C-alpha cells in the first residue's frame, strides 16, 4: 500500500531578510521556523531544509539497516545514525555523510560493513538523494 506524507512551508519576505515556517502536516507533530541565516550561517533556534533532509535520511537509514540485519538473522540491539548534510550557498547540497554505530550480537565486522553499505544504497531516502555524494562510516560496537 502506497502512502503520502505532507509538509507545508510558508515564507514571507525576501530570501535574505524573510522567514517562514515548515509544518509536518501528516503527523501534526511539529512546526518549525526557517530562515536564510539558519540555512547559511548559524541556526539560531531555527531549522533548514538541509537539517530536515538529515533527519529524514538518518531515520530512513537506521530503519533500512535494522531491516537488512534482521532479514539476515541478526536482529540489532540498537542502531544510531547521524546524517551530516553539507550546504554551500550558491552551489547547493554538496555531500552527505552518514555515521552509524550499531550493537548486533553474533555479527562480525565484515558482515556488518556489507549490510551497512547495502542499507546505504537500499534506503529510499538515499535513492532519492542519489545525485548527491553520500559517504558512510559504520562502526559495529560490542
N, C-alpha and C. Protein backbone atom coordinates (compact mmCIF):
# COMPACT_ATOMS: atom_id res chain seq x y z
N UNK A 1 0.84 -1.17 0.00
CA UNK A 1 0.00 0.00 0.00
C UNK A 1 0.89 1.25 0.00
N UNK A 2 0.68 2.13 -0.93
CA UNK A 2 1.43 3.38 -1.01
C UNK A 2 0.91 4.37 0.03
N UNK A 3 1.81 5.21 0.50
CA UNK A 3 1.43 6.27 1.44
C UNK A 3 1.94 7.60 0.92
N UNK A 4 1.30 8.65 1.34
CA UNK A 4 1.73 10.01 1.03
C UNK A 4 1.87 10.77 2.33
N UNK A 5 2.98 11.43 2.51
CA UNK A 5 3.20 12.28 3.68
C UNK A 5 3.28 13.71 3.21
N UNK A 6 2.76 14.63 4.02
CA UNK A 6 2.66 16.02 3.60
C UNK A 6 3.30 16.96 4.60
N UNK A 7 4.05 17.90 4.07
CA UNK A 7 4.59 19.01 4.84
C UNK A 7 4.28 20.28 4.06
N UNK A 8 4.13 21.38 4.75
CA UNK A 8 3.85 22.66 4.10
C UNK A 8 4.83 23.71 4.59
N UNK A 9 5.19 24.61 3.70
CA UNK A 9 6.06 25.73 4.06
C UNK A 9 5.34 27.04 3.74
N UNK A 10 5.53 28.01 4.60
CA UNK A 10 5.01 29.36 4.39
C UNK A 10 6.19 30.31 4.54
N UNK A 11 6.38 31.20 3.57
CA UNK A 11 7.50 32.14 3.57
C UNK A 11 6.97 33.55 3.39
N UNK A 12 7.58 34.50 4.09
CA UNK A 12 7.24 35.92 3.93
C UNK A 12 8.51 36.72 3.75
N UNK A 13 8.52 37.60 2.74
CA UNK A 13 9.65 38.48 2.52
C UNK A 13 10.66 37.91 1.55
N UNK A 14 11.77 38.64 1.43
CA UNK A 14 12.84 38.24 0.52
C UNK A 14 13.62 37.06 1.10
N UNK A 15 14.47 36.47 0.28
CA UNK A 15 15.27 35.35 0.74
C UNK A 15 16.14 35.72 1.92
N UNK A 16 16.87 36.82 1.83
CA UNK A 16 17.84 37.19 2.85
C UNK A 16 17.20 37.75 4.13
N UNK A 17 16.15 38.52 4.01
CA UNK A 17 15.55 39.15 5.18
C UNK A 17 14.28 38.45 5.65
N UNK A 18 13.71 37.61 4.81
CA UNK A 18 12.46 36.96 5.14
C UNK A 18 12.62 35.79 6.08
N UNK A 19 11.49 35.19 6.39
CA UNK A 19 11.49 34.00 7.23
C UNK A 19 10.20 33.24 6.99
N UNK A 20 10.15 32.04 7.54
CA UNK A 20 8.96 31.25 7.32
C UNK A 20 8.84 30.13 8.33
N UNK A 21 7.91 29.25 8.03
CA UNK A 21 7.69 28.07 8.86
C UNK A 21 7.48 26.87 7.94
N UNK A 22 7.83 25.72 8.46
CA UNK A 22 7.52 24.46 7.78
C UNK A 22 6.79 23.60 8.80
N UNK A 23 5.70 23.00 8.37
CA UNK A 23 4.91 22.17 9.28
C UNK A 23 4.85 20.73 8.76
N UNK A 24 4.89 19.80 9.70
CA UNK A 24 4.76 18.39 9.37
C UNK A 24 3.28 18.06 9.50
N UNK A 25 2.57 18.15 8.39
CA UNK A 25 1.11 18.09 8.43
C UNK A 25 0.53 16.69 8.55
N UNK A 26 1.18 15.70 7.98
CA UNK A 26 0.64 14.34 8.07
C UNK A 26 0.55 13.87 9.51
N UNK A 27 1.61 14.10 10.25
CA UNK A 27 1.64 13.66 11.65
C UNK A 27 1.11 14.73 12.59
N UNK A 28 1.25 15.97 12.20
CA UNK A 28 0.83 17.06 13.07
C UNK A 28 1.72 17.23 14.29
N UNK A 29 2.92 16.65 14.26
CA UNK A 29 3.76 16.68 15.46
C UNK A 29 4.56 17.96 15.65
N UNK A 30 4.79 18.72 14.60
CA UNK A 30 5.63 19.89 14.80
C UNK A 30 5.51 20.90 13.67
N UNK A 31 5.88 22.12 14.01
CA UNK A 31 6.04 23.20 13.06
C UNK A 31 7.36 23.87 13.43
N UNK A 32 8.16 24.21 12.41
CA UNK A 32 9.50 24.75 12.65
C UNK A 32 9.68 26.06 11.93
N UNK A 33 10.40 26.99 12.56
CA UNK A 33 10.77 28.25 11.93
C UNK A 33 11.97 28.02 11.03
N UNK A 34 11.99 28.68 9.86
CA UNK A 34 13.11 28.61 8.93
C UNK A 34 13.50 30.01 8.48
N UNK A 35 14.78 30.18 8.14
CA UNK A 35 15.26 31.46 7.62
C UNK A 35 16.55 31.22 6.84
N UNK A 36 16.94 32.20 6.03
CA UNK A 36 18.20 32.08 5.30
C UNK A 36 19.39 32.02 6.25
N UNK A 37 19.48 32.90 7.27
CA UNK A 37 20.62 32.77 8.18
C UNK A 37 20.71 31.39 8.85
N UNK A 38 19.56 30.77 9.16
CA UNK A 38 19.58 29.43 9.76
C UNK A 38 20.10 28.41 8.76
N UNK A 39 19.98 28.69 7.49
CA UNK A 39 20.43 27.77 6.45
C UNK A 39 21.90 27.98 6.11
N UNK A 40 22.33 29.23 6.03
CA UNK A 40 23.67 29.52 5.53
C UNK A 40 24.67 29.95 6.60
N UNK A 41 24.17 30.23 7.81
CA UNK A 41 25.06 30.69 8.88
C UNK A 41 24.81 29.83 10.12
N UNK A 42 24.43 30.45 11.22
CA UNK A 42 24.15 29.72 12.46
C UNK A 42 22.64 29.48 12.58
N UNK A 43 22.24 28.33 13.12
CA UNK A 43 20.82 28.00 13.19
C UNK A 43 19.99 28.98 14.04
N UNK A 44 20.51 29.43 15.15
CA UNK A 44 19.79 30.40 15.97
C UNK A 44 18.39 29.94 16.36
N UNK A 45 18.23 28.66 16.62
CA UNK A 45 16.93 28.15 17.04
C UNK A 45 15.96 27.89 15.91
N UNK A 46 16.44 27.98 14.68
CA UNK A 46 15.60 27.71 13.52
C UNK A 46 16.20 26.56 12.73
N UNK A 47 15.41 25.95 11.85
CA UNK A 47 15.90 24.82 11.08
C UNK A 47 16.15 25.23 9.63
N UNK A 48 16.52 24.26 8.82
CA UNK A 48 16.78 24.49 7.40
C UNK A 48 16.34 23.26 6.62
N UNK A 49 16.18 23.41 5.31
CA UNK A 49 15.87 22.23 4.50
C UNK A 49 16.91 21.12 4.67
N UNK A 50 18.17 21.51 4.81
CA UNK A 50 19.23 20.51 4.95
C UNK A 50 19.12 19.74 6.27
N UNK A 51 18.74 20.41 7.34
CA UNK A 51 18.56 19.71 8.61
C UNK A 51 17.38 18.75 8.53
N UNK A 52 16.33 19.16 7.85
CA UNK A 52 15.18 18.28 7.68
C UNK A 52 15.54 17.07 6.80
N UNK A 53 16.36 17.29 5.78
CA UNK A 53 16.85 16.17 4.97
C UNK A 53 17.70 15.24 5.83
N UNK A 54 18.57 15.80 6.67
CA UNK A 54 19.40 14.99 7.56
C UNK A 54 18.54 14.15 8.49
N UNK A 55 17.47 14.73 9.02
CA UNK A 55 16.57 13.97 9.90
C UNK A 55 15.93 12.81 9.15
N UNK A 56 15.44 13.09 7.95
CA UNK A 56 14.80 12.05 7.15
C UNK A 56 15.79 10.95 6.78
N UNK A 57 17.00 11.35 6.40
CA UNK A 57 17.99 10.37 5.96
C UNK A 57 18.46 9.49 7.12
N UNK A 58 18.72 10.09 8.27
CA UNK A 58 19.19 9.30 9.41
C UNK A 58 18.12 8.30 9.86
N UNK A 59 16.86 8.71 9.87
CA UNK A 59 15.78 7.81 10.26
C UNK A 59 15.61 6.68 9.25
N UNK A 60 15.60 7.02 7.96
CA UNK A 60 15.41 6.02 6.91
C UNK A 60 16.57 5.02 6.91
N UNK A 61 17.79 5.53 7.03
CA UNK A 61 18.95 4.64 7.02
C UNK A 61 18.91 3.68 8.20
N UNK A 62 18.61 4.18 9.39
CA UNK A 62 18.53 3.31 10.57
C UNK A 62 17.50 2.21 10.37
N UNK A 63 16.36 2.56 9.79
CA UNK A 63 15.31 1.57 9.53
C UNK A 63 15.77 0.55 8.49
N UNK A 64 16.42 1.01 7.42
CA UNK A 64 16.89 0.11 6.37
C UNK A 64 17.96 -0.86 6.89
N UNK A 65 18.89 -0.35 7.70
CA UNK A 65 19.93 -1.21 8.24
C UNK A 65 19.34 -2.22 9.23
N UNK A 66 18.45 -1.77 10.08
CA UNK A 66 17.80 -2.68 11.02
C UNK A 66 17.08 -3.81 10.29
N UNK A 67 16.39 -3.45 9.23
CA UNK A 67 15.66 -4.46 8.44
C UNK A 67 16.63 -5.44 7.77
N UNK A 68 17.68 -4.92 7.17
CA UNK A 68 18.65 -5.79 6.48
C UNK A 68 19.30 -6.75 7.47
N UNK A 69 19.68 -6.26 8.62
CA UNK A 69 20.31 -7.12 9.63
C UNK A 69 19.33 -8.18 10.12
N UNK A 70 18.10 -7.79 10.38
CA UNK A 70 17.09 -8.74 10.86
C UNK A 70 16.80 -9.80 9.81
N UNK A 71 16.71 -9.40 8.54
CA UNK A 71 16.46 -10.35 7.45
C UNK A 71 17.59 -11.37 7.34
N UNK A 72 18.80 -10.96 7.72
CA UNK A 72 19.96 -11.86 7.66
C UNK A 72 20.10 -12.68 8.95
N UNK A 73 19.13 -12.55 9.85
CA UNK A 73 19.15 -13.33 11.09
C UNK A 73 19.93 -12.70 12.23
N UNK A 74 20.21 -11.40 12.12
CA UNK A 74 20.98 -10.69 13.15
C UNK A 74 20.20 -9.47 13.63
N UNK A 75 19.24 -9.68 14.51
CA UNK A 75 18.44 -8.55 14.99
C UNK A 75 19.31 -7.62 15.83
N UNK A 76 19.35 -6.34 15.47
CA UNK A 76 20.21 -5.41 16.20
C UNK A 76 19.60 -5.01 17.56
N UNK A 77 20.50 -4.79 18.52
CA UNK A 77 20.05 -4.25 19.79
C UNK A 77 19.81 -2.74 19.65
N UNK A 78 20.66 -2.10 18.85
CA UNK A 78 20.49 -0.66 18.61
C UNK A 78 21.20 -0.25 17.32
N UNK A 79 20.66 0.78 16.70
CA UNK A 79 21.27 1.40 15.52
C UNK A 79 21.13 2.90 15.70
N UNK A 80 22.25 3.60 15.76
CA UNK A 80 22.26 5.05 15.90
C UNK A 80 22.93 5.66 14.67
N UNK A 81 22.20 6.51 13.97
CA UNK A 81 22.71 7.10 12.72
C UNK A 81 22.69 8.61 12.79
N UNK A 82 23.79 9.20 12.42
CA UNK A 82 23.91 10.65 12.29
C UNK A 82 24.05 10.95 10.80
N UNK A 83 23.33 11.94 10.32
CA UNK A 83 23.47 12.39 8.94
C UNK A 83 23.92 13.85 8.95
N UNK A 84 25.03 14.13 8.31
CA UNK A 84 25.53 15.49 8.16
C UNK A 84 25.35 15.89 6.70
N UNK A 85 24.53 16.90 6.47
CA UNK A 85 24.25 17.38 5.11
C UNK A 85 24.99 18.70 4.93
N UNK A 86 25.92 18.74 3.96
CA UNK A 86 26.70 19.94 3.69
C UNK A 86 25.98 20.81 2.66
N UNK A 87 25.88 22.11 2.98
CA UNK A 87 25.25 23.09 2.09
C UNK A 87 26.23 24.21 1.83
N UNK A 88 26.41 24.52 0.57
CA UNK A 88 27.27 25.63 0.15
C UNK A 88 26.41 26.66 -0.55
N UNK A 89 26.22 27.87 0.05
CA UNK A 89 25.42 28.89 -0.63
C UNK A 89 25.95 29.14 -2.04
N UNK A 90 25.05 29.22 -2.98
CA UNK A 90 25.41 29.43 -4.37
C UNK A 90 25.66 28.14 -5.14
N UNK A 91 25.89 27.06 -4.43
CA UNK A 91 26.13 25.76 -5.06
C UNK A 91 25.02 24.78 -4.74
N UNK A 92 24.67 24.68 -3.46
CA UNK A 92 23.63 23.76 -3.03
C UNK A 92 24.18 22.70 -2.09
N UNK A 93 23.50 21.59 -2.03
CA UNK A 93 23.93 20.48 -1.18
C UNK A 93 25.09 19.79 -1.87
N UNK A 94 26.22 19.71 -1.17
CA UNK A 94 27.44 19.19 -1.79
C UNK A 94 27.82 17.80 -1.31
N UNK A 95 27.19 17.32 -0.27
CA UNK A 95 27.51 15.98 0.21
C UNK A 95 26.74 15.63 1.46
N UNK A 96 26.66 14.34 1.71
CA UNK A 96 26.01 13.82 2.91
C UNK A 96 26.92 12.76 3.50
N UNK A 97 27.13 12.83 4.80
CA UNK A 97 27.93 11.82 5.50
C UNK A 97 27.02 11.12 6.50
N UNK A 98 26.91 9.82 6.37
CA UNK A 98 26.18 9.00 7.33
C UNK A 98 27.20 8.37 8.27
N UNK A 99 26.97 8.49 9.55
CA UNK A 99 27.80 7.86 10.57
C UNK A 99 26.89 6.97 11.40
N UNK A 100 27.14 5.67 11.35
CA UNK A 100 26.27 4.73 12.07
C UNK A 100 27.09 3.92 13.06
N UNK A 101 26.48 3.72 14.21
CA UNK A 101 27.03 2.85 15.25
C UNK A 101 25.92 1.89 15.63
N UNK A 102 26.25 0.60 15.61
CA UNK A 102 25.22 -0.40 15.91
C UNK A 102 25.75 -1.46 16.86
N UNK A 103 24.84 -1.99 17.63
CA UNK A 103 25.13 -3.13 18.50
C UNK A 103 24.34 -4.30 17.95
N UNK A 104 25.07 -5.34 17.54
CA UNK A 104 24.45 -6.52 16.95
C UNK A 104 25.21 -7.75 17.44
N UNK A 105 24.59 -8.53 18.29
CA UNK A 105 25.25 -9.73 18.81
C UNK A 105 25.45 -10.77 17.71
N UNK A 106 26.59 -11.45 17.75
CA UNK A 106 26.84 -12.57 16.85
C UNK A 106 27.15 -12.18 15.42
N UNK A 107 27.54 -10.96 15.17
CA UNK A 107 27.84 -10.50 13.82
C UNK A 107 29.28 -10.02 13.76
N UNK A 108 30.02 -10.44 12.73
CA UNK A 108 31.38 -9.94 12.61
C UNK A 108 31.38 -8.64 11.80
N UNK A 109 32.50 -7.93 11.86
CA UNK A 109 32.58 -6.62 11.23
C UNK A 109 32.43 -6.69 9.72
N UNK A 110 32.96 -7.73 9.10
CA UNK A 110 32.86 -7.85 7.64
C UNK A 110 31.40 -7.95 7.21
N UNK A 111 30.62 -8.77 7.89
CA UNK A 111 29.19 -8.89 7.58
C UNK A 111 28.46 -7.57 7.85
N UNK A 112 28.85 -6.93 8.95
CA UNK A 112 28.22 -5.66 9.29
C UNK A 112 28.48 -4.59 8.23
N UNK A 113 29.73 -4.49 7.78
CA UNK A 113 30.07 -3.50 6.76
C UNK A 113 29.29 -3.74 5.47
N UNK A 114 29.13 -5.01 5.11
CA UNK A 114 28.36 -5.35 3.91
C UNK A 114 26.90 -4.92 4.07
N UNK A 115 26.32 -5.20 5.23
CA UNK A 115 24.93 -4.80 5.49
C UNK A 115 24.80 -3.28 5.51
N UNK A 116 25.78 -2.60 6.10
CA UNK A 116 25.75 -1.14 6.20
C UNK A 116 25.79 -0.50 4.81
N UNK A 117 26.67 -1.00 3.94
CA UNK A 117 26.74 -0.47 2.57
C UNK A 117 25.46 -0.77 1.80
N UNK A 118 24.93 -1.97 1.97
CA UNK A 118 23.69 -2.32 1.30
C UNK A 118 22.53 -1.44 1.73
N UNK A 119 22.48 -1.11 3.02
CA UNK A 119 21.42 -0.23 3.52
C UNK A 119 21.58 1.18 2.96
N UNK A 120 22.83 1.60 2.75
CA UNK A 120 23.06 2.94 2.20
C UNK A 120 22.47 3.05 0.80
N UNK A 121 22.66 2.04 -0.02
CA UNK A 121 22.11 2.10 -1.38
C UNK A 121 20.64 1.72 -1.43
N UNK A 122 20.18 0.92 -0.47
CA UNK A 122 18.79 0.47 -0.47
C UNK A 122 17.82 1.39 0.22
N UNK A 123 18.31 2.26 1.06
CA UNK A 123 17.45 3.21 1.79
C UNK A 123 16.72 4.11 0.79
N UNK A 124 15.39 4.20 0.86
CA UNK A 124 14.65 5.03 -0.09
C UNK A 124 15.09 6.51 -0.11
N UNK A 125 15.49 7.05 1.03
CA UNK A 125 15.95 8.44 1.04
C UNK A 125 17.31 8.54 0.34
N UNK A 126 18.20 7.57 0.55
CA UNK A 126 19.46 7.56 -0.19
C UNK A 126 19.20 7.51 -1.69
N UNK A 127 18.25 6.70 -2.09
CA UNK A 127 17.92 6.59 -3.51
C UNK A 127 17.40 7.93 -4.04
N UNK A 128 16.56 8.60 -3.26
CA UNK A 128 16.02 9.89 -3.70
C UNK A 128 17.11 10.95 -3.80
N UNK A 129 18.15 10.80 -2.99
CA UNK A 129 19.25 11.78 -2.96
C UNK A 129 20.48 11.31 -3.74
N UNK A 130 20.31 10.36 -4.63
CA UNK A 130 21.44 9.72 -5.30
C UNK A 130 22.28 10.66 -6.16
N UNK A 131 21.78 11.83 -6.49
CA UNK A 131 22.58 12.79 -7.25
C UNK A 131 23.63 13.47 -6.37
N UNK A 132 23.54 13.26 -5.07
CA UNK A 132 24.47 13.86 -4.11
C UNK A 132 25.44 12.79 -3.60
N UNK A 133 26.73 13.10 -3.49
CA UNK A 133 27.67 12.13 -2.93
C UNK A 133 27.29 11.80 -1.48
N UNK A 134 27.20 10.50 -1.18
CA UNK A 134 26.86 10.04 0.17
C UNK A 134 28.00 9.14 0.64
N UNK A 135 28.61 9.49 1.75
CA UNK A 135 29.66 8.66 2.34
C UNK A 135 29.12 7.99 3.60
N UNK A 136 29.80 6.93 4.01
CA UNK A 136 29.34 6.15 5.16
C UNK A 136 30.52 5.76 6.03
N UNK A 137 30.36 5.96 7.33
CA UNK A 137 31.29 5.46 8.33
C UNK A 137 30.46 4.58 9.26
N UNK A 138 30.74 3.28 9.26
CA UNK A 138 29.94 2.33 10.02
C UNK A 138 30.82 1.63 11.06
N UNK A 139 30.34 1.65 12.30
CA UNK A 139 31.06 1.03 13.41
C UNK A 139 30.17 0.02 14.11
N UNK A 140 30.67 -1.19 14.24
CA UNK A 140 29.98 -2.24 14.99
C UNK A 140 30.52 -2.20 16.41
N UNK A 141 29.65 -1.91 17.35
CA UNK A 141 30.05 -1.82 18.76
C UNK A 141 29.81 -3.14 19.46
N UNK A 142 30.63 -3.41 20.47
CA UNK A 142 30.46 -4.65 21.22
C UNK A 142 29.89 -4.38 22.60
